C-alpha atoms as a PDB file:
ATOM      1  CA  MET A   1      16.599   0.064 -10.551  1.00  0.00           C
ATOM      2  CA  HIS A   2      19.161   2.723  -9.979  1.00  0.00           C
ATOM      3  CA  LEU A   3      21.889   0.941  -7.917  1.00  0.00           C
ATOM      4  CA  THR A   4      24.007   2.616  -6.230  1.00  0.00           C
ATOM      5  CA  THR A   5      27.859   1.523  -5.942  1.00  0.00           C
ATOM      6  CA  ASP A   6      29.797   1.128  -2.534  1.00  0.00           C
ATOM      7  CA  SER A   7      31.583   4.045  -2.394  1.00  0.00           C
ATOM      8  CA  ASP A   8      28.472   5.718  -3.622  1.00  0.00           C
ATOM      9  CA  GLN A   9      26.649   4.145  -0.228  1.00  0.00           C
ATOM     10  CA  ASN A  10      29.819   5.039   2.112  1.00  0.00           C
ATOM     11  CA  ALA A  11      29.071   8.489   1.079  1.00  0.00           C
ATOM     12  CA  ASN A  12      26.120   8.908   1.621  1.00  0.00           C
ATOM     13  CA  ALA A  13      25.596   5.950   5.213  1.00  0.00           C
ATOM     14  CA  ASN A  14      22.652   6.444   6.810  1.00  0.00           C
ATOM     15  CA  PRO A  15      23.454   5.066  10.274  1.00  0.00           C
ATOM     16  CA  SER A  16      19.488   4.713  11.285  1.00  0.00           C
ATOM     17  CA  PRO A  17      17.604   3.635   8.410  1.00  0.00           C
ATOM     18  CA  THR A  18      13.853   4.752   8.653  1.00  0.00           C
ATOM     19  CA  PRO A  19      11.576   2.040   9.100  1.00  0.00           C
ATOM     20  CA  GLU A  20       9.948   2.678   5.430  1.00  0.00           C
ATOM     21  CA  GLU A  21      13.673   1.974   3.900  1.00  0.00           C
ATOM     22  CA  GLN A  22      13.671  -1.192   5.965  1.00  0.00           C
ATOM     23  CA  GLU A  23      10.206  -1.938   4.253  1.00  0.00           C
ATOM     24  CA  MET A  24      11.391  -1.211   0.882  1.00  0.00           C
ATOM     25  CA  ASN A  25      14.860  -3.335   1.597  1.00  0.00           C
ATOM     26  CA  LYS A  26      12.350  -6.253   2.763  1.00  0.00           C
ATOM     27  CA  THR A  27      10.677  -5.803  -0.389  1.00  0.00           C
ATOM     28  CA  LEU A  28      13.435  -5.828  -2.342  1.00  0.00           C
ATOM     29  CA  GLN A  29      14.730  -9.416  -1.074  1.00  0.00           C
ATOM     30  CA  GLU A  30      11.236 -10.777  -1.110  1.00  0.00           C
ATOM     31  CA  ALA A  31      11.084  -9.860  -4.516  1.00  0.00           C
ATOM     32  CA  LEU A  32      14.938 -10.940  -5.817  1.00  0.00           C
ATOM     33  CA  SER A  33      14.391 -14.055  -4.155  1.00  0.00           C
ATOM     34  CA  CYS A  34      10.278 -14.678  -5.453  1.00  0.00           C
ATOM     35  CA  THR A  35       9.917 -17.768  -7.859  1.00  0.00           C
ATOM     36  CA  THR A  36       6.191 -17.721  -7.711  1.00  0.00           C
ATOM     37  CA  CYS A  37       5.166 -14.145  -9.721  1.00  0.00           C
ATOM     38  CA  THR A  38       5.115 -14.486 -13.545  1.00  0.00           C
ATOM     39  CA  PRO A  39       4.810 -10.583 -14.120  1.00  0.00           C
ATOM     40  CA  THR A  40       4.764 -10.122 -18.349  1.00  0.00           C
ATOM     41  CA  PRO A  41       4.013  -6.367 -18.772  1.00  0.00           C
ATOM     42  CA  ALA A  42       3.275  -5.953 -22.107  1.00  0.00           C
ATOM     43  CA  LYS A  43       5.629  -3.465 -24.270  1.00  0.00           C
ATOM     44  CA  PRO A  44       2.849  -0.800 -25.113  1.00  0.00           C
ATOM     45  CA  ALA A  45       2.793  -0.583 -21.586  1.00  0.00           C
ATOM     46  CA  PHE A  46       6.229  -0.047 -21.127  1.00  0.00           C
ATOM     47  CA  TYR A  47       6.562   2.362 -23.637  1.00  0.00           C
ATOM     48  CA  ALA A  48       3.477   4.338 -21.999  1.00  0.00           C
ATOM     49  CA  ASP A  49       5.117   4.107 -18.572  1.00  0.00           C
ATOM     50  CA  LEU A  50       8.395   5.448 -20.037  1.00  0.00           C
ATOM     51  CA  ALA A  51       6.675   8.482 -21.827  1.00  0.00           C
ATOM     52  CA  ALA A  52       4.604   9.693 -18.727  1.00  0.00           C
ATOM     53  CA  GLY A  53       7.489   9.854 -16.417  1.00  0.00           C
ATOM     54  CA  ILE A  54       5.799   6.758 -14.165  1.00  0.00           C
ATOM     55  CA  TYR A  55       9.065   4.485 -14.941  1.00  0.00           C
ATOM     56  CA  ASN A  56      12.539   5.994 -15.250  1.00  0.00           C
ATOM     57  CA  PRO A  57      15.582   3.672 -14.541  1.00  0.00           C
ATOM     58  CA  THR A  58      18.192   6.351 -13.223  1.00  0.00           C
ATOM     59  CA  ARG A  59      15.261   7.438 -10.465  1.00  0.00           C
ATOM     60  CA  ASP A  60      15.482   5.787  -7.374  1.00  0.00           C
ATOM     61  CA  PRO A  61      12.751   3.664  -6.876  1.00  0.00           C
ATOM     62  CA  PRO A  62      12.432   4.041 -10.810  1.00  0.00           C
ATOM     63  CA  PHE A  63       8.542   3.448 -10.820  1.00  0.00           C
ATOM     64  CA  THR A  64       6.575   6.494  -9.371  1.00  0.00           C
ATOM     65  CA  ARG A  65       4.375   5.624  -6.025  1.00  0.00           C
ATOM     66  CA  HIS A  66       2.700   9.140  -6.264  1.00  0.00           C
ATOM     67  CA  HIS A  67       0.517   9.647  -9.770  1.00  0.00           C
ATOM     68  CA  GLN A  68      -1.044  12.700  -8.499  1.00  0.00           C
ATOM     69  CA  LYS A  69      -1.403  15.517 -11.472  1.00  0.00           C
ATOM     70  CA  SER A  70      -1.732  18.910 -11.007  1.00  0.00           C
ATOM     71  CA  ASP A  71      -5.148  20.672 -10.570  1.00  0.00           C
ATOM     72  CA  ASP A  72      -5.944  24.357 -11.229  1.00  0.00           C
ATOM     73  CA  ALA A  73      -8.559  23.665  -8.685  1.00  0.00           C
ATOM     74  CA  VAL A  74      -6.699  23.164  -6.000  1.00  0.00           C
ATOM     75  CA  SER A  75      -5.282  25.623  -3.480  1.00  0.00           C
ATOM     76  CA  PRO A  76      -1.370  25.632  -3.660  1.00  0.00           C
ATOM     77  CA  LEU A  77      -1.873  25.872   0.238  1.00  0.00           C
ATOM     78  CA  GLU A  78      -4.159  22.325   0.176  1.00  0.00           C
ATOM     79  CA  ALA A  79      -1.714  20.970  -2.244  1.00  0.00           C
ATOM     80  CA  VAL A  80       0.360  17.702  -1.278  1.00  0.00           C
ATOM     81  CA  PRO A  81       4.141  18.630  -0.579  1.00  0.00           C
ATOM     82  CA  VAL A  82       6.740  17.216  -2.765  1.00  0.00           C
ATOM     83  CA  TYR A  83       9.101  15.515  -0.490  1.00  0.00           C
ATOM     84  CA  MET A  84      12.142  13.092  -1.437  1.00  0.00           C
ATOM     85  CA  GLU A  85      11.362   9.348  -1.516  1.00  0.00           C
ATOM     86  CA  PRO A  86      13.632   6.936  -0.066  1.00  0.00           C
ATOM     87  CA  GLY A  87      14.756   4.256  -2.649  1.00  0.00           C
ATOM     88  CA  TYR A  88      15.819   0.572  -3.005  1.00  0.00           C
ATOM     89  CA  GLY A  89      19.422   1.946  -3.925  1.00  0.00           C
ATOM     90  CA  CYS A  90      20.602   3.177  -0.668  1.00  0.00           C
ATOM     91  CA  LEU A  91      20.325   0.096   1.729  1.00  0.00           C
ATOM     92  CA  VAL A  92      20.833  -2.524  -1.555  1.00  0.00           C
ATOM     93  CA  THR A  93      23.475  -5.499  -0.760  1.00  0.00           C
ATOM     94  CA  GLU A  94      26.097  -6.388  -3.235  1.00  0.00           C
ATOM     95  CA  ALA A  95      24.237 -10.225  -2.766  1.00  0.00           C
ATOM     96  CA  GLN A  96      21.275  -7.918  -3.875  1.00  0.00           C
ATOM     97  CA  ARG A  97      23.234  -5.971  -6.835  1.00  0.00           C
ATOM     98  CA  GLU A  98      24.215  -9.330  -8.526  1.00  0.00           C
ATOM     99  CA  ARG A  99      21.002 -11.153  -8.208  1.00  0.00           C
ATOM    100  CA  TYR A 100      19.034  -7.980  -9.671  1.00  0.00           C
ATOM    101  CA  TRP A 101      21.698  -8.015 -12.922  1.00  0.00           C
ATOM    102  CA  GLU A 102      21.416 -11.527 -13.089  1.00  0.00           C
ATOM    103  CA  LEU A 103      17.609 -11.539 -13.251  1.00  0.00           C
ATOM    104  CA  VAL A 104      17.707  -8.877 -15.955  1.00  0.00           C
ATOM    105  CA  ALA A 105      20.159 -10.741 -17.924  1.00  0.00           C
ATOM    106  CA  ARG A 106      17.520 -13.927 -17.770  1.00  0.00           C
ATOM    107  CA  GLU A 107      14.698 -11.570 -18.923  1.00  0.00           C
ATOM    108  CA  ARG A 108      16.568 -10.659 -22.166  1.00  0.00           C
ATOM    109  CA  GLU A 109      17.886 -14.091 -22.672  1.00  0.00           C
ATOM    110  CA  ASP A 110      13.766 -14.952 -22.264  1.00  0.00           C
ATOM    111  CA  GLU A 111      13.198 -12.168 -24.459  1.00  0.00           C
ATOM    112  CA  VAL A 112      15.627 -12.880 -27.223  1.00  0.00           C
ATOM    113  CA  ASP A 113      14.984 -17.282 -27.152  1.00  0.00           C
ATOM    114  CA  MET A 114      11.203 -16.081 -27.896  1.00  0.00           C
ATOM    115  CA  GLY A 115      12.096 -14.036 -30.676  1.00  0.00           C
ATOM    116  CA  MET A 116      10.992 -10.652 -29.570  1.00  0.00           C
ATOM    117  CA  GLY A 117      14.613  -8.966 -28.801  1.00  0.00           C
ATOM    118  CA  LEU A 118      15.343  -6.848 -32.284  1.00  0.00           C
ATOM    119  CA  GLU A 119      18.962  -6.433 -32.829  1.00  0.00           C
ATOM    120  CA  ASP A 120      18.584  -2.934 -33.809  1.00  0.00           C
ATOM    121  CA  GLU A 121      16.805  -1.832 -30.759  1.00  0.00           C
ATOM    122  CA  ASN A 122      19.131  -3.667 -28.114  1.00  0.00           C
ATOM    123  CA  GLU A 123      19.357  -0.668 -25.966  1.00  0.00           C
ATOM    124  CA  ASP A 124      15.669  -0.756 -25.572  1.00  0.00           C
ATOM    125  CA  ALA A 125      15.491  -4.567 -25.080  1.00  0.00           C
ATOM    126  CA  GLU A 126      17.944  -4.351 -22.345  1.00  0.00           C
ATOM    127  CA  LEU A 127      15.729  -1.420 -20.928  1.00  0.00           C
ATOM    128  CA  TYR A 128      12.423  -3.420 -21.261  1.00  0.00           C
ATOM    129  CA  ALA A 129      14.238  -6.229 -19.633  1.00  0.00           C
ATOM    130  CA  ARG A 130      15.068  -3.968 -16.644  1.00  0.00           C
ATOM    131  CA  TYR A 131      11.474  -2.613 -16.725  1.00  0.00           C
ATOM    132  CA  LYS A 132       9.751  -6.210 -16.086  1.00  0.00           C
ATOM    133  CA  VAL A 133      12.379  -6.713 -13.296  1.00  0.00           C
ATOM    134  CA  ASP A 134      11.574  -3.839 -11.405  1.00  0.00           C
ATOM    135  CA  TYR A 135       7.758  -4.007 -12.060  1.00  0.00           C
ATOM    136  CA  HIS A 136       7.836  -6.945 -10.252  1.00  0.00           C
ATOM    137  CA  ILE A 137       9.929  -5.169  -7.473  1.00  0.00           C
ATOM    138  CA  HIS A 138       7.121  -2.366  -7.382  1.00  0.00           C
ATOM    139  CA  HIS A 139       4.249  -5.064  -7.435  1.00  0.00           C
ATOM    140  CA  HIS A 140       5.894  -6.601  -4.150  1.00  0.00           C
ATOM    141  CA  TYR A 141       6.378  -2.979  -2.449  1.00  0.00           C
ATOM    142  CA  LEU A 142       2.428  -2.297  -3.425  1.00  0.00           C
ATOM    143  CA  ALA A 143       1.593  -5.793  -1.890  1.00  0.00           C
ATOM    144  CA  ARG A 144       2.936  -4.585   1.792  1.00  0.00           C
ATOM    145  CA  CYS A 145       1.522  -0.885   0.864  1.00  0.00           C
ATOM    146  CA  GLY A 146      -1.250  -0.631  -1.803  1.00  0.00           C
ATOM    147  CA  VAL A 147      -5.012  -0.215  -1.211  1.00  0.00           C
ATOM    148  CA  LEU A 148      -5.712  -3.982  -0.775  1.00  0.00           C
ATOM    149  CA  THR A 149      -3.679  -3.752   2.474  1.00  0.00           C
ATOM    150  CA  LEU A 150      -6.609  -2.369   3.907  1.00  0.00           C
ATOM    151  CA  CYS A 151      -8.633  -5.458   2.703  1.00  0.00           C
ATOM    152  CA  ARG A 152      -8.930  -7.932   5.834  1.00  0.00           C
ATOM    153  CA  ASN A 153     -10.643 -10.476   4.228  1.00  0.00           C
ATOM    154  CA  VAL A 154     -11.649 -11.562   0.348  1.00  0.00           C
ATOM    155  CA  GLU A 155     -15.515 -10.009   0.949  1.00  0.00           C
ATOM    156  CA  GLU A 156     -13.960  -6.739   1.840  1.00  0.00           C
ATOM    157  CA  MET A 157     -11.460  -7.146  -1.164  1.00  0.00           C
ATOM    158  CA  HIS A 158     -14.701  -7.966  -3.225  1.00  0.00           C
ATOM    159  CA  GLU A 159     -16.431  -4.848  -1.991  1.00  0.00           C
ATOM    160  CA  LEU A 160     -13.396  -2.830  -2.609  1.00  0.00           C
ATOM    161  CA  ARG A 161     -13.242  -4.060  -6.290  1.00  0.00           C
ATOM    162  CA  LYS A 162     -17.063  -3.635  -7.038  1.00  0.00           C
ATOM    163  CA  TRP A 163     -16.868   0.091  -5.520  1.00  0.00           C
ATOM    164  CA  ARG A 164     -13.604   1.019  -8.016  1.00  0.00           C
ATOM    165  CA  TRP A 165     -15.993  -0.385 -10.914  1.00  0.00           C
ATOM    166  CA  ARG A 166     -18.870   1.957  -9.797  1.00  0.00           C
ATOM    167  CA  LEU A 167     -16.627   4.862  -9.336  1.00  0.00           C
ATOM    168  CA  ASP A 168     -15.040   4.069 -13.048  1.00  0.00           C
ATOM    169  CA  ALA A 169     -18.858   4.071 -14.288  1.00  0.00           C
ATOM    170  CA  VAL A 170     -19.191   7.745 -12.394  1.00  0.00           C
ATOM    171  CA  ASP A 171     -16.145   9.144 -13.939  1.00  0.00           C
ATOM    172  CA  GLY A 172     -17.187   8.071 -16.964  1.00  0.00           C
ATOM    173  CA  ARG A 173     -14.047   5.991 -17.725  1.00  0.00           C
ATOM    174  CA  GLY A 174     -16.347   2.704 -18.316  1.00  0.00           C
ATOM    175  CA  GLU A 175     -17.667   4.149 -21.681  1.00  0.00           C
ATOM    176  CA  THR A 176     -13.999   3.770 -22.974  1.00  0.00           C
ATOM    177  CA  ARG A 177     -14.162   0.238 -22.643  1.00  0.00           C
ATOM    178  CA  LYS A 178     -17.927  -0.900 -23.707  1.00  0.00           C
ATOM    179  CA  GLY A 179     -18.107  -4.530 -24.205  1.00  0.00           C
ATOM    180  CA  LEU A 180     -16.009  -5.611 -21.112  1.00  0.00           C
ATOM    181  CA  LYS A 181     -17.913  -7.164 -18.462  1.00  0.00           C
ATOM    182  CA  MET A 182     -17.453  -7.276 -14.650  1.00  0.00           C
ATOM    183  CA  ARG A 183     -15.457 -10.231 -13.827  1.00  0.00           C
ATOM    184  CA  ARG A 184     -15.328 -11.437 -10.315  1.00  0.00           C
ATOM    185  CA  TRP A 185     -11.519 -11.197 -10.405  1.00  0.00           C
ATOM    186  CA  GLY A 186     -11.167  -8.194 -12.762  1.00  0.00           C
ATOM    187  CA  TRP A 187     -10.231  -4.530 -12.130  1.00  0.00           C
ATOM    188  CA  PRO A 188     -10.824  -1.373 -14.129  1.00  0.00           C
ATOM    189  CA  GLY A 189      -8.511  -0.056 -16.067  1.00  0.00           C
ATOM    190  CA  ASP A 190      -6.312  -2.961 -15.339  1.00  0.00           C
ATOM    191  CA  GLU A 191      -4.733  -3.409 -18.898  1.00  0.00           C
ATOM    192  CA  ASN A 192      -1.242  -3.183 -17.615  1.00  0.00           C
ATOM    193  CA  ARG A 193      -2.680  -6.496 -15.132  1.00  0.00           C
ATOM    194  CA  SER A 194      -1.275  -4.283 -12.417  1.00  0.00           C
ATOM    195  CA  MET A 195      -3.989  -4.587 -10.018  1.00  0.00           C
ATOM    196  CA  MET A 196      -4.163  -8.538 -10.983  1.00  0.00           C
ATOM    197  CA  LEU A 197      -1.013  -9.072  -9.483  1.00  0.00           C
ATOM    198  CA  GLN A 198      -1.287  -7.224  -6.610  1.00  0.00           C
ATOM    199  CA  THR A 199      -4.459  -9.474  -5.430  1.00  0.00           C
ATOM    200  CA  ALA A 200      -2.576 -13.088  -6.160  1.00  0.00           C
ATOM    201  CA  LEU A 201       0.194 -11.228  -3.917  1.00  0.00           C
ATOM    202  CA  TRP A 202      -2.439 -10.671  -1.537  1.00  0.00           C
ATOM    203  CA  ARG A 203      -3.945 -13.591  -1.358  1.00  0.00           C
ATOM    204  CA  ARG A 204      -0.918 -15.829  -1.018  1.00  0.00           C
ATOM    205  CA  ARG A 205      -0.550 -13.480   1.882  1.00  0.00           C
ATOM    206  CA  TRP A 206      -3.887 -14.236   4.235  1.00  0.00           C
ATOM    207  CA  ARG A 207      -2.207 -16.454   6.720  1.00  0.00           C
ATOM    208  CA  GLY A 208      -0.333 -13.720   7.606  1.00  0.00           C
ATOM    209  CA  ARG A 209      -3.301 -11.479   7.109  1.00  0.00           C
ATOM    210  CA  GLN A 210      -4.948 -12.919   9.525  1.00  0.00           C
ATOM    211  CA  GLU A 211      -2.786 -13.611  12.370  1.00  0.00           C
ATOM    212  CA  ARG A 212      -2.265  -9.533  12.639  1.00  0.00           C
ATOM    213  CA  VAL A 213      -6.149  -9.470  12.515  1.00  0.00           C
ATOM    214  CA  GLU A 214      -6.536 -11.763  15.232  1.00  0.00           C
ATOM    215  CA  GLU A 215      -3.576  -9.874  17.224  1.00  0.00           C
ATOM    216  CA  ALA A 216      -5.160  -6.698  16.670  1.00  0.00           C
ATOM    217  CA  GLY A 217      -8.516  -7.965  18.255  1.00  0.00           C
ATOM    218  CA  ILE A 218      -6.382  -9.050  21.660  1.00  0.00           C
ATOM    219  CA  LYS A 219      -4.996  -5.858  21.479  1.00  0.00           C
ATOM    220  CA  TRP A 220      -7.891  -3.858  21.344  1.00  0.00           C
ATOM    221  CA  MET A 221      -9.185  -6.499  23.957  1.00  0.00           C
ATOM    222  CA  GLY A 222      -6.699  -5.114  26.504  1.00  0.00           C
ATOM    223  CA  ILE A 223      -6.811  -1.398  25.809  1.00  0.00           C
ATOM    224  CA  MET A 224     -10.849  -2.421  26.324  1.00  0.00           C
ATOM    225  CA  GLU A 225      -9.963  -3.742  29.721  1.00  0.00           C
ATOM    226  CA  GLU A 226      -7.875  -1.226  31.225  1.00  0.00           C
ATOM    227  CA  ARG A 227     -10.344   1.402  29.985  1.00  0.00           C
ATOM    228  CA  ARG A 228     -12.921  -0.394  32.352  1.00  0.00           C
ATOM    229  CA  LYS A 229     -10.481  -0.364  35.003  1.00  0.00           C
ATOM    230  CA  GLN A 230      -9.698   2.973  34.644  1.00  0.00           C
ATOM    231  CA  ARG A 231     -13.419   3.430  34.472  1.00  0.00           C
ATOM    232  CA  GLU A 232     -14.038   1.383  37.841  1.00  0.00           C
ATOM    233  CA  LYS A 233     -10.683   3.797  39.820  1.00  0.00           C
ATOM    234  CA  MET A 234     -12.852   6.895  38.782  1.00  0.00           C
ATOM    235  CA  ARG A 235     -16.305   5.513  39.714  1.00  0.00           C
ATOM    236  CA  VAL A 236     -18.036   7.227  42.890  1.00  0.00           C
ATOM    237  CA  LYS A 237     -21.280   6.894  44.165  1.00  0.00           C
ATOM    238  CA  VAL A 238     -23.394   9.936  44.969  1.00  0.00           C
ATOM    239  CA  LYS A 239     -27.197  11.008  46.328  1.00  0.00           C
ATOM    240  CA  VAL A 240     -29.508  12.497  44.374  1.00  0.00           C
ATOM    241  CA  ARG A 241     -32.462  14.147  46.147  1.00  0.00           C
ATOM    242  CA  VAL A 242     -35.547  15.599  44.293  1.00  0.00           C
ATOM    243  CA  TYR A 243     -37.479  17.799  46.128  1.00  0.00           C
ATOM    244  CA  CYS A 244     -41.038  19.128  45.311  1.00  0.00           C
ATOM    245  CA  TRP A 245     -42.433  22.702  46.657  1.00  0.00           C
ATOM    246  CA  LYS A 246     -45.678  21.834  48.769  1.00  0.00           C
ATOM    247  CA  ASN A 247     -48.062  24.359  50.774  1.00  0.00           C
ATOM    248  CA  GLY A 248     -45.042  26.640  50.975  1.00  0.00           C
ATOM    249  CA  GLY A 249     -42.509  24.265  51.787  1.00  0.00           C
ATOM    250  CA  LYS A 250     -39.533  22.101  50.147  1.00  0.00           C
ATOM    251  CA  ASN A 251     -40.759  18.334  50.637  1.00  0.00           C
ATOM    252  CA  LEU A 252     -38.734  14.992  49.395  1.00  0.00           C
ATOM    253  CA  VAL A 253     -40.161  13.329  47.154  1.00  0.00           C
ATOM    254  CA  ARG A 254     -37.192  10.424  46.938  1.00  0.00           C
ATOM    255  CA  GLU A 255     -33.600   9.785  47.002  1.00  0.00           C
ATOM    256  CA  VAL A 256     -31.833   8.153  44.078  1.00  0.00           C
ATOM    257  CA  GLU A 257     -28.204   6.619  44.705  1.00  0.00           C
ATOM    258  CA  MET A 258     -25.965   6.972  41.029  1.00  0.00           C
ATOM    259  CA  ASP A 259     -22.871   6.156  39.948  1.00  0.00           C
ATOM    260  CA  HIS A 260     -20.862   9.290  38.903  1.00  0.00           C
ATOM    261  CA  PHE A 261     -17.753   9.136  36.569  1.00  0.00           C
ATOM    262  CA  ASP A 262     -15.247  11.944  37.124  1.00  0.00           C
ATOM    263  CA  ALA A 263     -13.549  13.531  34.157  1.00  0.00           C
ATOM    264  CA  LEU A 264      -9.872  11.307  33.215  1.00  0.00           C
END
């Protein structure tokens, strides 16, 4: 993660951070104080993300959130416009900056203790340690705004997972993973355990998610009650007379009283 200095922050200070920037700062604080997640991205995935431009430690944020590739079949008028995305570094506090580098140092020490650090690859080892910390932060962010946030309960999460497997089979990508069975908690193409980590974070937030669903239900009930009152105000009684022509004259068949609602 590219963390700005205090002078950079003062020069580019934003007096009114956007809601997205505030959400990203909350994500950063949550990830830096998290002690339950144990993300262990493999080194091949680290090198692959570097080569593909998905991860860039000098970028803010270091992980891209939109992986849309250019498509010649898409009209330029319909292409998603490129815009500058806010990053974590613009709102980072001094305490958060110190905690970030403390975690990077800890990851580096753990790697050396396990005999994984190579003395002739100190630069790569330091970068890999940063990658693991940024990976953790990135998935806390995805847990707040990723596709799993659309799932209100476990049943909907399983439906999403099964739909991803069916989509994977239709696209033909499943043929490259022969022998891989659809596990209860498995996701297609999740060699880097990204979706597994997001699922774990999603399950930990079930209580807050249930509270938001209940709050939304209460708000919807209020909206429906307000609409009912509006319809009552607009309701008027009208009489409809039905005639028929008989013996050369107009004869009343019946008179019906009906409710009529004026357009709002």
